[in-house]
Amino acid sequence: MARIYNASIGDYVELNDTEVDLEQEKRTFAQEKLKAINLEVKKILKITDKYVLIDYPISEEEKQEVIVFRQKVRDLSKQKDYPDILIPIKPGCIKEDLEFN
């Protein structure tokens, strides 16, 4: 008997050892990870929108750093080992916590 976490239902389930399909579990885990990354990307872009506004009080150099950072966030899905990604370092002018969960 095995107890595994089923991400589809968000709970642990008891399975006979013969019922465990590790490949399916890996696919499910990867799908859930992709969803989480996509949600984080959307959240980060929304939070950092204000930093690229024409009248936001940061220097042009800082604004360029934010623009580059936002592009790196958008390009996360282009990384070779996606969804095992390297998170770009946020510029110092961004004060909000942008940690990926």
C-alpha atoms as a PDB file:
ATOM      1  CA  MET A   1       0.000   0.000   0.000  1.00  0.00           C
ATOM      2  CA  ALA A   2       1.319   3.447  -0.891  1.00  0.00           C
ATOM      3  CA  ARG A   3       0.147   6.901   0.103  1.00  0.00           C
ATOM      4  CA  ILE A   4       0.765   9.582  -2.513  1.00  0.00           C
ATOM      5  CA  TYR A   5      -0.291  13.158  -3.108  1.00  0.00           C
ATOM      6  CA  ASN A   6      -2.707  13.542  -5.999  1.00  0.00           C
ATOM      7  CA  ALA A   7      -2.366  17.134  -7.254  1.00  0.00           C
ATOM      8  CA  SER A   8      -5.532  16.796  -9.334  1.00  0.00           C
ATOM      9  CA  ILE A   9      -7.693  16.519  -6.227  1.00  0.00           C
ATOM     10  CA  GLY A  10      -5.319  18.265  -3.810  1.00  0.00           C
ATOM     11  CA  ASP A  11      -5.202  15.414  -1.316  1.00  0.00           C
ATOM     12  CA  TYR A  12      -3.357  12.244  -0.388  1.00  0.00           C
ATOM     13  CA  VAL A  13      -4.730   8.929  -1.646  1.00  0.00           C
ATOM     14  CA  GLU A  14      -4.021   5.324  -0.737  1.00  0.00           C
ATOM     15  CA  LEU A  15      -2.989   3.133  -3.641  1.00  0.00           C
ATOM     16  CA  ASN A  16      -1.911  -0.444  -4.022  1.00  0.00           C
ATOM     17  CA  ASP A  17       1.683  -0.611  -5.217  1.00  0.00           C
ATOM     18  CA  THR A  18       0.421  -2.023  -8.505  1.00  0.00           C
ATOM     19  CA  GLU A  19      -1.771   1.040  -9.070  1.00  0.00           C
ATOM     20  CA  VAL A  20       1.007   3.604  -8.830  1.00  0.00           C
ATOM     21  CA  ASP A  21       1.704   5.117 -12.233  1.00  0.00           C
ATOM     22  CA  LEU A  22       4.841   7.140 -11.651  1.00  0.00           C
ATOM     23  CA  GLU A  23       4.926   8.535 -15.173  1.00  0.00           C
ATOM     24  CA  GLN A  24       1.404   9.880 -14.809  1.00  0.00           C
ATOM     25  CA  GLU A  25       2.307  11.390 -11.448  1.00  0.00           C
ATOM     26  CA  LYS A  26       5.360  13.065 -13.013  1.00  0.00           C
ATOM     27  CA  ARG A  27       3.189  14.495 -15.795  1.00  0.00           C
ATOM     28  CA  THR A  28       0.634  15.754 -13.293  1.00  0.00           C
ATOM     29  CA  PHE A  29       3.351  17.340 -11.169  1.00  0.00           C
ATOM     30  CA  ALA A  30       4.868  19.040 -14.244  1.00  0.00           C
ATOM     31  CA  GLN A  31       1.465  20.371 -15.295  1.00  0.00           C
ATOM     32  CA  GLU A  32       0.821  21.780 -11.823  1.00  0.00           C
ATOM     33  CA  LYS A  33       4.285  23.339 -11.783  1.00  0.00           C
ATOM     34  CA  LEU A  34       3.637  24.995 -15.152  1.00  0.00           C
ATOM     35  CA  LYS A  35       0.351  26.426 -13.893  1.00  0.00           C
ATOM     36  CA  ALA A  36       2.058  27.801 -10.796  1.00  0.00           C
ATOM     37  CA  ILE A  37       4.853  29.387 -12.835  1.00  0.00           C
ATOM     38  CA  ASN A  38       2.382  30.992 -15.226  1.00  0.00           C
ATOM     39  CA  LEU A  39       0.403  32.451 -12.313  1.00  0.00           C
ATOM     40  CA  GLU A  40       3.593  33.846 -10.766  1.00  0.00           C
ATOM     41  CA  VAL A  41       4.639  35.397 -14.086  1.00  0.00           C
ATOM     42  CA  LYS A  42       1.276  37.138 -14.388  1.00  0.00           C
ATOM     43  CA  LYS A  43       1.508  38.328 -10.775  1.00  0.00           C
ATOM     44  CA  ILE A  44       5.035  39.707 -11.212  1.00  0.00           C
ATOM     45  CA  LEU A  45       4.133  41.525 -14.417  1.00  0.00           C
ATOM     46  CA  LYS A  46       1.064  43.050 -12.796  1.00  0.00           C
ATOM     47  CA  ILE A  47       3.014  44.191  -9.724  1.00  0.00           C
ATOM     48  CA  THR A  48       5.804  45.711 -11.826  1.00  0.00           C
ATOM     49  CA  ASP A  49       3.563  47.460 -14.372  1.00  0.00           C
ATOM     50  CA  LYS A  50       3.791  50.743 -12.467  1.00  0.00           C
ATOM     51  CA  TYR A  51       7.601  50.821 -12.717  1.00  0.00           C
ATOM     52  CA  VAL A  52       7.485  51.280 -16.484  1.00  0.00           C
ATOM     53  CA  LEU A  53       4.946  54.101 -16.484  1.00  0.00           C
ATOM     54  CA  ILE A  54       6.312  57.282 -17.968  1.00  0.00           C
ATOM     55  CA  ASP A  55       5.789  59.294 -14.782  1.00  0.00           C
ATOM     56  CA  TYR A  56       6.847  56.703 -12.183  1.00  0.00           C
ATOM     57  CA  PRO A  57       9.555  58.311 -10.012  1.00  0.00           C
ATOM     58  CA  ILE A  58      12.615  56.175 -10.873  1.00  0.00           C
ATOM     59  CA  SER A  59      15.635  56.985 -13.028  1.00  0.00           C
ATOM     60  CA  GLU A  60      15.834  56.000 -16.686  1.00  0.00           C
ATOM     61  CA  GLU A  61      18.577  53.508 -15.775  1.00  0.00           C
ATOM     62  CA  GLU A  62      16.309  51.864 -13.177  1.00  0.00           C
ATOM     63  CA  LYS A  63      13.427  51.839 -15.655  1.00  0.00           C
ATOM     64  CA  GLN A  64      15.641  50.018 -18.184  1.00  0.00           C
ATOM     65  CA  GLU A  65      16.599  47.472 -15.512  1.00  0.00           C
ATOM     66  CA  VAL A  66      12.894  46.854 -14.859  1.00  0.00           C
ATOM     67  CA  ILE A  67      12.164  46.504 -18.573  1.00  0.00           C
ATOM     68  CA  VAL A  68      14.961  43.926 -18.949  1.00  0.00           C
ATOM     69  CA  PHE A  69      13.770  42.081 -15.819  1.00  0.00           C
ATOM     70  CA  ARG A  70      10.182  41.950 -17.074  1.00  0.00           C
ATOM     71  CA  GLN A  71      11.353  40.548 -20.411  1.00  0.00           C
ATOM     72  CA  LYS A  72      13.356  37.857 -18.629  1.00  0.00           C
ATOM     73  CA  VAL A  73      10.226  36.954 -16.647  1.00  0.00           C
ATOM     74  CA  ARG A  74       8.218  36.717 -19.875  1.00  0.00           C
ATOM     75  CA  ASP A  75      10.943  34.507 -21.394  1.00  0.00           C
ATOM     76  CA  LEU A  76      10.996  31.962 -18.550  1.00  0.00           C
ATOM     77  CA  SER A  77       9.137  29.444 -20.712  1.00  0.00           C
ATOM     78  CA  LYS A  78      11.941  29.642 -23.309  1.00  0.00           C
ATOM     79  CA  GLN A  79      14.543  28.280 -20.902  1.00  0.00           C
ATOM     80  CA  LYS A  80      16.039  24.948 -21.944  1.00  0.00           C
ATOM     81  CA  ASP A  81      14.975  23.012 -18.827  1.00  0.00           C
ATOM     82  CA  TYR A  82      11.533  24.598 -18.466  1.00  0.00           C
ATOM     83  CA  PRO A  83       9.675  24.126 -16.094  1.00  0.00           C
ATOM     84  CA  ASP A  84      12.862  23.769 -14.002  1.00  0.00           C
ATOM     85  CA  ILE A  85      13.733  27.434 -14.360  1.00  0.00           C
ATOM     86  CA  LEU A  86      16.297  29.938 -13.197  1.00  0.00           C
ATOM     87  CA  ILE A  87      14.512  32.915 -11.692  1.00  0.00           C
ATOM     88  CA  PRO A  88      15.850  36.308 -12.780  1.00  0.00           C
ATOM     89  CA  ILE A  89      17.088  38.618 -10.023  1.00  0.00           C
ATOM     90  CA  LYS A  90      14.826  41.595  -9.550  1.00  0.00           C
ATOM     91  CA  PRO A  91      16.258  45.116  -9.763  1.00  0.00           C
ATOM     92  CA  GLY A  92      16.861  46.923  -6.493  1.00  0.00           C
ATOM     93  CA  CYS A  93      14.302  49.617  -7.305  1.00  0.00           C
ATOM     94  CA  ILE A  94      11.469  47.071  -7.077  1.00  0.00           C
ATOM     95  CA  LYS A  95      10.440  47.084  -3.435  1.00  0.00           C
ATOM     96  CA  GLU A  96       7.735  44.412  -3.504  1.00  0.00           C
ATOM     97  CA  ASP A  97       8.453  40.773  -2.667  1.00  0.00           C
ATOM     98  CA  LEU A  98       8.434  38.861  -5.962  1.00  0.00           C
ATOM     99  CA  GLU A  99       9.451  35.421  -4.765  1.00  0.00           C
ATOM    100  CA  PHE A 100       8.320  32.431  -6.769  1.00  0.00           C
ATOM    101  CA  ASN A 101       6.486  29.926  -4.592  1.00  0.00           C
END
